[in-house]
Structures are given as structure tokens and as C-alpha cells.
């Protein structure tokens, strides 16, 4: 689910769990669920069509470049098309 999108936009260090790639991944609990609260989501858009809906699955951890994201400390870098 990540290889083709990374290839499509030219992100050469993304899209695989392999030597030389960024090790971006999410730990997903498919047997859990959660109620959507737009205020608690970690994205820029302040609204969601899923507000107050129960959704299956829950992300337990997110790793970018092999480092755990705490959602408090800004990390990462903005990648443009074709950048490594």
C-alpha cells in the first residue's frame, strides 16, 4: 500500500521496509475500534466527515525513519517530488 504511491510521486527513499529506505510504518490493532473526535486527530484539517463515528482498527504507534512519533515534538522534513 506504500510502494506504488511512493513511486508515483518520485519519493525514492519511501515505500518499502528494506535496507536504505526510511523505515516509516504504523503499528495497527485491527481488533480494536475508536470513536472519531476531530479535535484529537493529528492532522491539519479541523473537520472530518467521520466525527462521532465508531471506526474499526486503531493505530497504536507510528514510526518515521525508525523513530517513534510522540505527536508532541515536531519531526521530519518536507519532501518534494523526486527528493531522496
N, C-alpha and C. Protein backbone atom coordinates (compact mmCIF):
# COMPACT_ATOMS: atom_id res chain seq x y z
N UNK A 1 0.82 -1.19 0.00
CA UNK A 1 0.00 0.00 0.00
C UNK A 1 0.86 1.26 0.00
N UNK A 2 2.16 1.12 0.05
CA UNK A 2 3.00 2.31 0.04
C UNK A 2 3.97 2.37 -1.12
N UNK A 3 4.27 1.23 -1.72
CA UNK A 3 5.27 1.20 -2.80
C UNK A 3 4.82 2.02 -4.00
N UNK A 4 3.65 1.76 -4.52
CA UNK A 4 3.20 2.47 -5.72
C UNK A 4 3.01 3.97 -5.50
N UNK A 5 2.38 4.40 -4.37
CA UNK A 5 2.28 5.84 -4.15
C UNK A 5 3.64 6.53 -4.09
N UNK A 6 4.61 5.90 -3.42
CA UNK A 6 5.95 6.49 -3.34
C UNK A 6 6.58 6.58 -4.74
N UNK A 7 6.43 5.53 -5.53
CA UNK A 7 6.95 5.55 -6.90
C UNK A 7 6.26 6.62 -7.73
N UNK A 8 4.98 6.73 -7.57
CA UNK A 8 4.19 7.67 -8.38
C UNK A 8 4.64 9.12 -8.19
N UNK A 9 4.98 9.49 -6.96
CA UNK A 9 5.40 10.87 -6.70
C UNK A 9 6.91 11.03 -6.64
N UNK A 10 7.64 9.95 -6.90
CA UNK A 10 9.09 10.03 -7.00
C UNK A 10 9.83 10.10 -5.69
N UNK A 11 9.27 9.54 -4.62
CA UNK A 11 9.96 9.52 -3.33
C UNK A 11 10.81 8.25 -3.26
N UNK A 12 12.07 8.37 -3.58
CA UNK A 12 12.93 7.20 -3.72
C UNK A 12 13.32 6.53 -2.41
N UNK A 13 13.23 7.21 -1.28
CA UNK A 13 13.61 6.59 -0.01
C UNK A 13 12.39 6.11 0.78
N UNK A 14 11.23 6.10 0.14
CA UNK A 14 9.98 5.71 0.80
C UNK A 14 9.37 4.49 0.09
N UNK A 15 8.43 3.83 0.75
CA UNK A 15 7.62 2.82 0.08
C UNK A 15 8.01 1.38 0.33
N UNK A 16 9.05 1.12 1.09
CA UNK A 16 9.46 -0.26 1.36
C UNK A 16 10.08 -0.37 2.75
N UNK A 17 10.02 -1.56 3.32
CA UNK A 17 10.78 -1.87 4.52
C UNK A 17 11.99 -2.67 4.03
N UNK A 18 13.05 -1.95 3.75
CA UNK A 18 14.24 -2.55 3.16
C UNK A 18 15.45 -1.69 3.46
N UNK A 19 16.63 -2.27 3.40
CA UNK A 19 17.87 -1.56 3.63
C UNK A 19 17.96 -0.35 2.71
N UNK A 20 18.24 0.82 3.29
CA UNK A 20 18.36 2.04 2.51
C UNK A 20 17.08 2.85 2.41
N UNK A 21 15.97 2.34 2.93
CA UNK A 21 14.70 3.05 2.92
C UNK A 21 14.43 3.63 4.31
N UNK A 22 13.46 4.51 4.43
CA UNK A 22 13.26 5.32 5.64
C UNK A 22 12.66 4.62 6.85
N UNK A 23 12.14 3.42 6.74
CA UNK A 23 11.52 2.70 7.87
C UNK A 23 10.36 3.48 8.48
N UNK A 24 9.45 3.95 7.63
CA UNK A 24 8.21 4.59 8.08
C UNK A 24 7.15 3.48 8.20
N UNK A 25 6.49 3.40 9.34
CA UNK A 25 5.47 2.36 9.50
C UNK A 25 4.51 2.72 10.63
N UNK A 26 3.41 2.00 10.65
CA UNK A 26 2.43 2.15 11.73
C UNK A 26 2.13 0.79 12.32
N UNK A 27 1.98 0.73 13.64
CA UNK A 27 1.57 -0.49 14.32
C UNK A 27 0.06 -0.38 14.48
N UNK A 28 -0.68 -1.31 13.87
CA UNK A 28 -2.13 -1.22 13.75
C UNK A 28 -2.79 -2.38 14.49
N UNK A 29 -3.74 -2.06 15.36
CA UNK A 29 -4.51 -3.07 16.09
C UNK A 29 -5.86 -3.24 15.40
N UNK A 30 -5.98 -4.26 14.57
CA UNK A 30 -7.20 -4.44 13.78
C UNK A 30 -8.40 -4.89 14.61
N UNK A 31 -8.16 -5.43 15.80
CA UNK A 31 -9.25 -5.91 16.64
C UNK A 31 -9.80 -4.84 17.59
N UNK A 32 -9.24 -3.65 17.56
CA UNK A 32 -9.74 -2.54 18.38
C UNK A 32 -10.56 -1.59 17.52
N UNK A 33 -11.28 -0.68 18.18
CA UNK A 33 -12.02 0.36 17.46
C UNK A 33 -11.90 1.65 18.25
N UNK A 34 -12.35 2.74 17.64
CA UNK A 34 -12.32 4.03 18.33
C UNK A 34 -13.41 4.94 17.79
N UNK A 35 -13.79 5.91 18.61
CA UNK A 35 -14.78 6.92 18.20
C UNK A 35 -14.00 8.14 17.72
N UNK A 36 -14.31 8.61 16.53
CA UNK A 36 -13.59 9.73 15.93
C UNK A 36 -13.95 11.04 16.63
N UNK A 37 -12.90 11.76 17.02
CA UNK A 37 -13.03 13.09 17.59
C UNK A 37 -12.07 13.99 16.82
N UNK A 38 -12.59 14.90 16.01
CA UNK A 38 -11.76 15.74 15.14
C UNK A 38 -10.70 16.50 15.93
N UNK A 39 -11.00 16.89 17.16
CA UNK A 39 -10.04 17.64 17.97
C UNK A 39 -8.84 16.79 18.38
N UNK A 40 -9.02 15.49 18.42
CA UNK A 40 -7.94 14.59 18.85
C UNK A 40 -7.13 14.04 17.67
N UNK A 41 -7.57 14.29 16.44
CA UNK A 41 -6.84 13.78 15.27
C UNK A 41 -5.56 14.57 15.04
N UNK A 42 -4.56 13.91 14.54
CA UNK A 42 -3.26 14.55 14.29
C UNK A 42 -3.13 14.93 12.81
N UNK A 43 -3.95 15.87 12.39
CA UNK A 43 -3.85 16.41 11.04
C UNK A 43 -4.30 17.86 11.04
N UNK A 44 -4.01 18.55 9.96
CA UNK A 44 -4.28 20.00 9.90
C UNK A 44 -5.76 20.34 9.77
N UNK A 45 -6.53 19.49 9.08
CA UNK A 45 -7.93 19.80 8.82
C UNK A 45 -8.74 19.69 10.11
N UNK A 46 -9.43 20.75 10.51
CA UNK A 46 -10.17 20.74 11.78
C UNK A 46 -11.53 20.03 11.72
N UNK A 47 -11.90 19.52 10.56
CA UNK A 47 -13.19 18.83 10.45
C UNK A 47 -12.99 17.45 9.81
N UNK A 48 -13.95 16.57 10.02
CA UNK A 48 -13.93 15.24 9.41
C UNK A 48 -15.36 14.77 9.22
N UNK A 49 -15.65 14.07 8.13
CA UNK A 49 -17.00 13.52 7.95
C UNK A 49 -17.26 12.33 8.88
N UNK A 50 -16.24 11.87 9.57
CA UNK A 50 -16.37 10.71 10.45
C UNK A 50 -16.58 11.08 11.92
N UNK A 51 -16.78 12.35 12.21
CA UNK A 51 -16.97 12.82 13.59
C UNK A 51 -18.01 11.97 14.32
N UNK A 52 -17.65 11.48 15.51
CA UNK A 52 -18.52 10.69 16.39
C UNK A 52 -18.86 9.29 15.87
N UNK A 53 -18.24 8.87 14.79
CA UNK A 53 -18.49 7.52 14.26
C UNK A 53 -17.49 6.55 14.89
N UNK A 54 -17.93 5.32 15.08
CA UNK A 54 -17.04 4.27 15.58
C UNK A 54 -16.39 3.61 14.37
N UNK A 55 -15.06 3.62 14.33
CA UNK A 55 -14.31 3.03 13.22
C UNK A 55 -13.50 1.83 13.72
N UNK A 56 -13.42 0.79 12.88
CA UNK A 56 -12.63 -0.38 13.27
C UNK A 56 -11.14 -0.13 13.08
N UNK A 57 -10.34 -0.76 13.94
CA UNK A 57 -8.90 -0.64 13.85
C UNK A 57 -8.39 0.60 14.56
N UNK A 58 -7.16 0.51 15.07
CA UNK A 58 -6.60 1.64 15.80
C UNK A 58 -5.09 1.63 15.62
N UNK A 59 -4.53 2.78 15.28
CA UNK A 59 -3.08 2.90 15.17
C UNK A 59 -2.52 3.02 16.59
N UNK A 60 -1.62 2.12 16.95
CA UNK A 60 -1.04 2.11 18.29
C UNK A 60 0.27 2.89 18.35
N UNK A 61 1.07 2.82 17.29
CA UNK A 61 2.34 3.54 17.22
C UNK A 61 2.59 3.95 15.78
N UNK A 62 3.31 5.05 15.61
CA UNK A 62 3.75 5.49 14.30
C UNK A 62 5.25 5.71 14.37
N UNK A 63 5.95 5.19 13.38
CA UNK A 63 7.40 5.38 13.30
C UNK A 63 7.75 6.05 11.97
N UNK A 64 8.58 7.05 12.03
CA UNK A 64 9.07 7.74 10.84
C UNK A 64 10.59 7.68 10.90
N UNK A 65 11.18 7.11 9.89
CA UNK A 65 12.63 6.94 9.89
C UNK A 65 13.09 6.04 11.02
N UNK A 66 12.21 5.12 11.44
CA UNK A 66 12.53 4.20 12.52
C UNK A 66 12.39 4.79 13.91
N UNK A 67 11.99 6.06 14.01
CA UNK A 67 11.84 6.72 15.31
C UNK A 67 10.36 6.87 15.66
N UNK A 68 10.01 6.54 16.91
CA UNK A 68 8.62 6.63 17.37
C UNK A 68 8.19 8.10 17.40
N UNK A 69 6.99 8.35 16.90
CA UNK A 69 6.40 9.69 16.90
C UNK A 69 5.57 9.87 18.16
N UNK A 70 5.81 10.96 18.88
CA UNK A 70 5.06 11.20 20.12
C UNK A 70 3.91 12.19 19.93
N UNK A 71 3.75 12.74 18.75
CA UNK A 71 2.69 13.70 18.41
C UNK A 71 2.80 15.00 19.19
N UNK A 72 3.91 15.22 19.88
CA UNK A 72 4.14 16.47 20.59
C UNK A 72 5.34 17.21 19.99
N UNK A 73 6.37 16.46 19.62
CA UNK A 73 7.61 17.04 19.12
C UNK A 73 7.59 17.06 17.59
N UNK A 74 7.68 18.23 16.97
CA UNK A 74 7.72 18.27 15.51
C UNK A 74 8.97 17.57 14.98
N UNK A 75 8.78 16.70 13.99
CA UNK A 75 9.89 15.97 13.39
C UNK A 75 9.70 15.90 11.89
N UNK A 76 10.69 15.35 11.22
CA UNK A 76 10.57 15.09 9.79
C UNK A 76 11.00 16.26 8.95
N UNK A 77 10.78 16.11 7.68
CA UNK A 77 11.14 17.15 6.71
C UNK A 77 10.13 17.11 5.57
N UNK A 78 9.94 18.23 4.94
CA UNK A 78 9.04 18.31 3.81
C UNK A 78 9.75 17.75 2.59
N UNK A 79 9.15 16.78 1.94
CA UNK A 79 9.74 16.16 0.76
C UNK A 79 9.04 16.65 -0.50
N UNK A 80 9.80 17.03 -1.47
CA UNK A 80 9.25 17.40 -2.76
C UNK A 80 9.41 16.26 -3.74
N UNK A 81 8.78 16.38 -4.89
CA UNK A 81 8.84 15.35 -5.91
C UNK A 81 10.29 15.06 -6.30
N UNK A 82 10.65 13.78 -6.25
CA UNK A 82 11.97 13.35 -6.69
C UNK A 82 13.08 13.51 -5.68
N UNK A 83 12.77 14.00 -4.48
CA UNK A 83 13.81 14.16 -3.46
C UNK A 83 14.06 12.84 -2.76
N UNK A 84 15.29 12.65 -2.32
CA UNK A 84 15.66 11.44 -1.57
C UNK A 84 15.46 11.69 -0.10
